[in-house]
C-alpha cells in the first residue's frame, strides 16, 4: 500500500493492545456491544505525529485500514474467544473449531466483496443504496481529504487527554482488583467512549434489574430456571429481524432490522 515499515509497525503496536482489551472486556463483563468509535490507531498516529511526518503514502494506507478499526463493534476476536469457551464447555476439539472459523472467514471475505459490489452496482451508491454500505465510503475518504488539504501538527492537548485517560483506567483496574466493594469497572469507563452504550444503557439497566429481582426472590436456583426464558427473548428478536430482512430482500423495500 506504499506505507513505511515503521508506520505499519506503529499501527499494529496500537492495534493489538486495543483488541486484546476489547476481548478482555467481553470476557469479564459480557457487554452486548463493544464499540470504541473514533479512537482508531490511525487517528492516534495523526494526533501524535502530525500529517506531514506521516506523509501521503502512510496516510493513504491508514485510510484503507480505517474500515477495520473504525469502531470495533464487529471485531471477530471477542466472538472467537466465546467460541473457544463454548468448545471447552461442550468438549468440542479446538482444532476442529479453528479450522471451521478459518473456513468461515475465508468464505465470508469472498461473499462480502461480491455482495458489496453487486448491491452498489445494481442499486447505485448514490440512488437506492442506503446506510452503512454507502456511509463508510465517504466518511473514510473525506477524512483523508481533510488530512491532505488541511495538514495538522502534533496535538499536545489531545495527547494529554489520552495519557490521563490511560492512567485513570489503570487506577480503576487496580481498585477493582484490590477492593471487592469498588463499584466502578474499567471496562465500563472504556465502553462509554462509544456511542453504542448511549442507545443501550436503558435495556442493560432493565436486564440488571430483572436479574437482581430474580436473585433476590428465588436465589441462584430460580435464576438458572429463568435463563432460558430470557435467552428466548433474544432469539425471538433476532429471528423476527432475520425474517423481516428476508422479506425486504424479496420485496426490495426497507423493513425492520435488528440494530447492530
Protein backbone atom coordinates (compact mmCIF):
# COMPACT_ATOMS: atom_id res chain seq x y z
CA UNK A 1 0.00 0.00 0.00
CA UNK A 2 3.03 2.25 -0.02
CA UNK A 3 3.33 2.53 3.77
CA UNK A 4 6.68 2.73 5.56
CA UNK A 5 7.57 -0.28 7.72
CA UNK A 6 7.82 1.88 10.85
CA UNK A 7 4.35 3.30 10.22
CA UNK A 8 2.62 -0.06 9.79
CA UNK A 9 4.59 -1.36 12.80
CA UNK A 10 3.33 1.54 14.91
CA UNK A 11 -0.21 0.90 13.66
CA UNK A 12 -0.15 -2.70 14.88
CA UNK A 13 1.59 -1.67 18.11
CA UNK A 14 -1.53 0.37 18.86
CA UNK A 15 -3.98 -2.07 17.28
CA UNK A 16 -3.23 -5.32 19.10
CA UNK A 17 -3.49 -3.94 22.69
CA UNK A 18 -6.83 -2.39 21.74
CA UNK A 19 -8.36 -5.65 20.51
CA UNK A 20 -6.92 -7.58 23.47
CA UNK A 21 -8.53 -5.02 25.79
CA UNK A 22 -11.87 -5.34 23.98
CA UNK A 23 -11.69 -9.12 24.19
CA UNK A 24 -10.93 -8.98 27.91
CA UNK A 25 -13.88 -6.63 28.49
CA UNK A 26 -16.14 -9.08 26.66
CA UNK A 27 -14.78 -11.97 28.74
CA UNK A 28 -15.08 -10.20 32.10
CA UNK A 29 -18.41 -8.38 31.89
CA UNK A 30 -20.01 -9.64 28.65
CA UNK A 31 -21.42 -6.37 27.25
CA UNK A 32 -23.84 -6.68 24.31
CA UNK A 33 -21.77 -4.10 22.44
CA UNK A 34 -18.06 -3.25 22.49
CA UNK A 35 -17.95 -0.13 20.35
CA UNK A 36 -14.93 2.19 20.62
CA UNK A 37 -15.71 4.71 17.92
CA UNK A 38 -13.24 7.31 16.63
CA UNK A 39 -10.28 6.07 18.71
CA UNK A 40 -8.61 4.04 15.97
CA UNK A 41 -4.80 3.71 15.65
CA UNK A 42 -4.65 5.90 12.54
CA UNK A 43 -6.30 8.83 14.28
CA UNK A 44 -3.97 8.40 17.27
CA UNK A 45 -0.92 8.39 14.99
CA UNK A 46 -2.03 11.64 13.35
CA UNK A 47 -2.56 13.23 16.78
CA UNK A 48 0.88 12.17 17.94
CA UNK A 49 2.98 12.77 14.81
CA UNK A 50 1.01 15.16 12.64
CA UNK A 51 0.16 14.63 8.98
CA UNK A 52 3.42 15.96 7.50
CA UNK A 53 5.61 13.50 9.41
CA UNK A 54 3.44 10.59 8.30
CA UNK A 55 3.33 11.62 4.65
CA UNK A 56 0.80 10.98 1.89
CA UNK A 57 1.66 7.29 1.45
CA UNK A 58 1.17 6.42 5.11
CA UNK A 59 -2.00 8.50 5.40
CA UNK A 60 -3.45 6.74 2.35
CA UNK A 61 -2.58 3.33 3.79
CA UNK A 62 -4.18 4.24 7.12
CA UNK A 63 -7.29 5.26 5.20
CA UNK A 64 -7.65 1.83 3.57
CA UNK A 65 -7.22 0.22 7.01
CA UNK A 66 -9.81 2.53 8.60
CA UNK A 67 -12.91 0.34 7.96
CA UNK A 68 -11.29 -2.42 10.06
CA UNK A 69 -10.74 -0.19 13.10
CA UNK A 70 -13.44 2.48 12.99
CA UNK A 71 -15.49 1.24 15.94
CA UNK A 72 -14.55 -2.42 16.68
CA UNK A 73 -18.18 -3.40 17.33
CA UNK A 74 -17.96 -6.21 14.77
CA UNK A 75 -14.42 -7.30 15.60
CA UNK A 76 -14.15 -11.10 15.48
CA UNK A 77 -11.76 -11.64 18.41
CA UNK A 78 -14.36 -11.49 21.23
CA UNK A 79 -16.64 -13.83 19.28
CA UNK A 80 -13.74 -16.22 18.66
CA UNK A 81 -12.96 -16.27 22.36
CA UNK A 82 -16.59 -17.09 23.16
CA UNK A 83 -16.49 -19.87 20.55
CA UNK A 84 -13.48 -21.45 22.26
CA UNK A 85 -15.28 -21.15 25.59
CA UNK A 86 -18.31 -22.95 24.13
CA UNK A 87 -15.97 -25.60 22.73
CA UNK A 88 -14.47 -26.05 26.18
CA UNK A 89 -17.87 -26.47 27.82
CA UNK A 90 -19.23 -28.82 25.14
CA UNK A 91 -15.90 -30.68 24.68
CA UNK A 92 -15.53 -29.88 21.00
CA UNK A 93 -12.00 -30.19 19.63
CA UNK A 94 -10.18 -26.86 19.42
CA UNK A 95 -8.52 -27.85 16.14
CA UNK A 96 -11.89 -28.59 14.53
CA UNK A 97 -13.27 -25.27 15.71
CA UNK A 98 -10.21 -23.37 14.49
CA UNK A 99 -10.44 -24.95 11.04
CA UNK A 100 -14.14 -24.10 10.91
CA UNK A 101 -13.50 -20.45 11.82
CA UNK A 102 -10.74 -20.11 9.22
CA UNK A 103 -13.02 -21.54 6.51
CA UNK A 104 -15.87 -19.25 7.61
CA UNK A 105 -13.60 -16.18 7.48
CA UNK A 106 -12.29 -17.06 4.01
CA UNK A 107 -15.81 -17.76 2.71
CA UNK A 108 -17.17 -14.60 4.36
CA UNK A 109 -14.50 -12.40 2.75
CA UNK A 110 -15.34 -13.63 -0.76
CA UNK A 111 -19.11 -13.35 -0.25
CA UNK A 112 -18.84 -9.90 1.35
CA UNK A 113 -16.77 -8.45 -1.51
CA UNK A 114 -19.19 -9.90 -4.06
CA UNK A 115 -22.24 -8.62 -2.12
CA UNK A 116 -20.87 -5.09 -1.79
CA UNK A 117 -20.04 -4.82 -5.49
CA UNK A 118 -23.32 -6.41 -6.59
CA UNK A 119 -25.53 -4.25 -4.38
CA UNK A 120 -23.78 -0.97 -5.16
CA UNK A 121 -23.70 -1.55 -8.92
CA UNK A 122 -27.25 -2.91 -9.01
CA UNK A 123 -28.88 -0.25 -6.82
CA UNK A 124 -26.46 2.62 -7.30
CA UNK A 125 -24.37 4.04 -4.46
CA UNK A 126 -25.89 7.48 -4.97
CA UNK A 127 -29.51 6.44 -5.54
CA UNK A 128 -31.21 3.45 -3.86
CA UNK A 129 -28.35 2.09 -1.74
CA UNK A 130 -28.51 3.43 1.80
CA UNK A 131 -26.99 3.08 5.24
CA UNK A 132 -23.59 1.86 6.30
CA UNK A 133 -22.53 0.46 2.93
CA UNK A 134 -22.55 3.98 1.45
CA UNK A 135 -21.67 5.92 4.58
CA UNK A 136 -18.40 4.02 5.07
CA UNK A 137 -17.07 5.16 1.73
CA UNK A 138 -17.47 8.90 2.01
CA UNK A 139 -16.56 9.07 5.71
CA UNK A 140 -13.30 7.19 5.10
CA UNK A 141 -12.03 9.28 2.21
CA UNK A 142 -13.38 12.60 3.45
CA UNK A 143 -11.05 12.12 6.43
CA UNK A 144 -8.10 11.56 4.10
CA UNK A 145 -9.07 14.65 2.12
CA UNK A 146 -9.12 16.69 5.32
CA UNK A 147 -5.66 15.45 6.30
CA UNK A 148 -4.23 16.33 2.86
CA UNK A 149 -5.97 19.69 2.35
CA UNK A 150 -5.61 20.93 5.95
CA UNK A 151 -2.42 19.40 7.43
CA UNK A 152 -2.22 19.26 11.21
CA UNK A 153 0.67 19.19 13.66
CA UNK A 154 1.06 17.17 16.85
CA UNK A 155 -1.90 17.85 19.17
CA UNK A 156 -0.45 18.16 22.68
CA UNK A 157 -3.80 18.79 24.46
CA UNK A 158 -5.41 15.70 22.92
CA UNK A 159 -2.35 13.57 23.72
CA UNK A 160 -2.64 14.84 27.29
CA UNK A 161 -6.24 13.62 27.44
CA UNK A 162 -5.21 10.23 26.06
CA UNK A 163 -2.43 9.92 28.66
CA UNK A 164 -4.62 10.97 31.58
CA UNK A 165 -7.40 8.61 30.47
CA UNK A 166 -4.88 5.76 30.29
CA UNK A 167 -3.70 6.46 33.85
CA UNK A 168 -7.30 6.71 35.10
CA UNK A 169 -8.13 3.34 33.51
CA UNK A 170 -5.12 1.78 35.28
CA UNK A 171 -6.36 3.32 38.54
CA UNK A 172 -9.82 1.80 38.06
CA UNK A 173 -8.25 -1.59 37.28
CA UNK A 174 -6.10 -1.53 40.44
CA UNK A 175 -9.07 -0.52 42.61
CA UNK A 176 -11.27 -3.24 41.09
CA UNK A 177 -8.63 -5.90 41.73
CA UNK A 178 -7.77 -4.85 45.29
CA UNK A 179 -11.19 -3.94 46.69
CA UNK A 180 -14.29 -6.10 46.20
CA UNK A 181 -16.56 -3.22 47.23
CA UNK A 182 -15.27 -0.93 44.43
CA UNK A 183 -18.30 -0.43 42.12
CA UNK A 184 -16.64 1.03 39.00
CA UNK A 185 -15.26 -1.34 36.37
CA UNK A 186 -12.53 -0.05 34.00
CA UNK A 187 -14.35 -1.75 31.13
CA UNK A 188 -17.36 0.47 31.70
CA UNK A 189 -15.20 3.59 31.52
CA UNK A 190 -13.76 2.42 28.19
CA UNK A 191 -17.11 1.46 26.66
CA UNK A 192 -18.80 4.81 27.32
CA UNK A 193 -16.42 6.40 24.81
CA UNK A 194 -18.53 4.81 22.07
CA UNK A 195 -22.00 5.96 21.07
CA UNK A 196 -23.49 2.46 21.28
CA UNK A 197 -23.99 2.48 25.04
CA UNK A 198 -25.96 5.70 24.71
CA UNK A 199 -28.66 3.65 22.96
CA UNK A 200 -28.37 0.52 25.08
CA UNK A 201 -27.96 1.76 28.65
CA UNK A 202 -31.68 1.50 29.49
CA UNK A 203 -32.13 -2.09 28.18
CA UNK A 204 -28.97 -3.03 30.10
CA UNK A 205 -30.41 -1.39 33.22
CA UNK A 206 -33.67 -3.35 32.80
CA UNK A 207 -31.77 -6.63 32.40
CA UNK A 208 -29.74 -5.86 35.53
CA UNK A 209 -32.95 -5.04 37.42
CA UNK A 210 -34.62 -8.28 36.27
CA UNK A 211 -31.56 -10.34 37.25
CA UNK A 212 -31.28 -8.65 40.66
CA UNK A 213 -35.00 -9.21 41.32
CA UNK A 214 -34.85 -12.90 40.37
CA UNK A 215 -31.78 -13.48 42.55
CA UNK A 216 -33.38 -11.60 45.44
CA UNK A 217 -36.64 -13.58 45.28
CA UNK A 218 -35.51 -17.09 44.36
CA UNK A 219 -31.72 -17.16 44.54
CA UNK A 220 -29.45 -19.00 42.13
CA UNK A 221 -31.94 -21.84 41.58
CA UNK A 222 -34.67 -19.53 40.23
CA UNK A 223 -32.07 -17.61 38.23
CA UNK A 224 -30.97 -20.76 36.39
CA UNK A 225 -34.58 -21.67 35.70
CA UNK A 226 -35.27 -18.19 34.28
CA UNK A 227 -32.22 -18.06 31.99
CA UNK A 228 -33.87 -19.99 29.07
CA UNK A 229 -36.79 -17.53 29.08
CA UNK A 230 -34.52 -14.50 28.62
CA UNK A 231 -32.40 -16.29 26.04
CA UNK A 232 -35.65 -16.97 24.22
CA UNK A 233 -36.42 -13.24 24.15
CA UNK A 234 -33.07 -12.57 22.48
CA UNK A 235 -33.53 -15.40 20.00
CA UNK A 236 -37.05 -14.19 19.19
CA UNK A 237 -35.86 -10.67 18.47
CA UNK A 238 -33.14 -11.85 16.11
CA UNK A 239 -35.43 -14.37 14.43
CA UNK A 240 -38.00 -11.68 13.61
CA UNK A 241 -35.23 -9.37 12.46
CA UNK A 242 -33.92 -12.02 10.06
CA UNK A 243 -37.43 -12.71 8.76
CA UNK A 244 -38.06 -9.02 8.07
CA UNK A 245 -34.66 -8.73 6.36
CA UNK A 246 -35.56 -11.62 4.06
CA UNK A 247 -38.93 -10.02 3.32
CA UNK A 248 -37.12 -6.79 2.46
CA UNK A 249 -34.80 -8.62 0.07
CA UNK A 250 -37.68 -10.33 -1.69
CA UNK A 251 -39.88 -7.22 -1.96
CA UNK A 252 -36.89 -4.87 -2.48
CA UNK A 253 -38.04 -2.43 0.17
CA UNK A 254 -36.73 -1.20 3.57
CA UNK A 255 -38.05 -3.17 6.54
CA UNK A 256 -37.35 -3.57 10.24
CA UNK A 257 -33.78 -4.69 11.02
CA UNK A 258 -32.01 -5.68 14.21
CA UNK A 259 -29.87 -2.75 15.33
CA UNK A 260 -26.22 -3.73 15.05
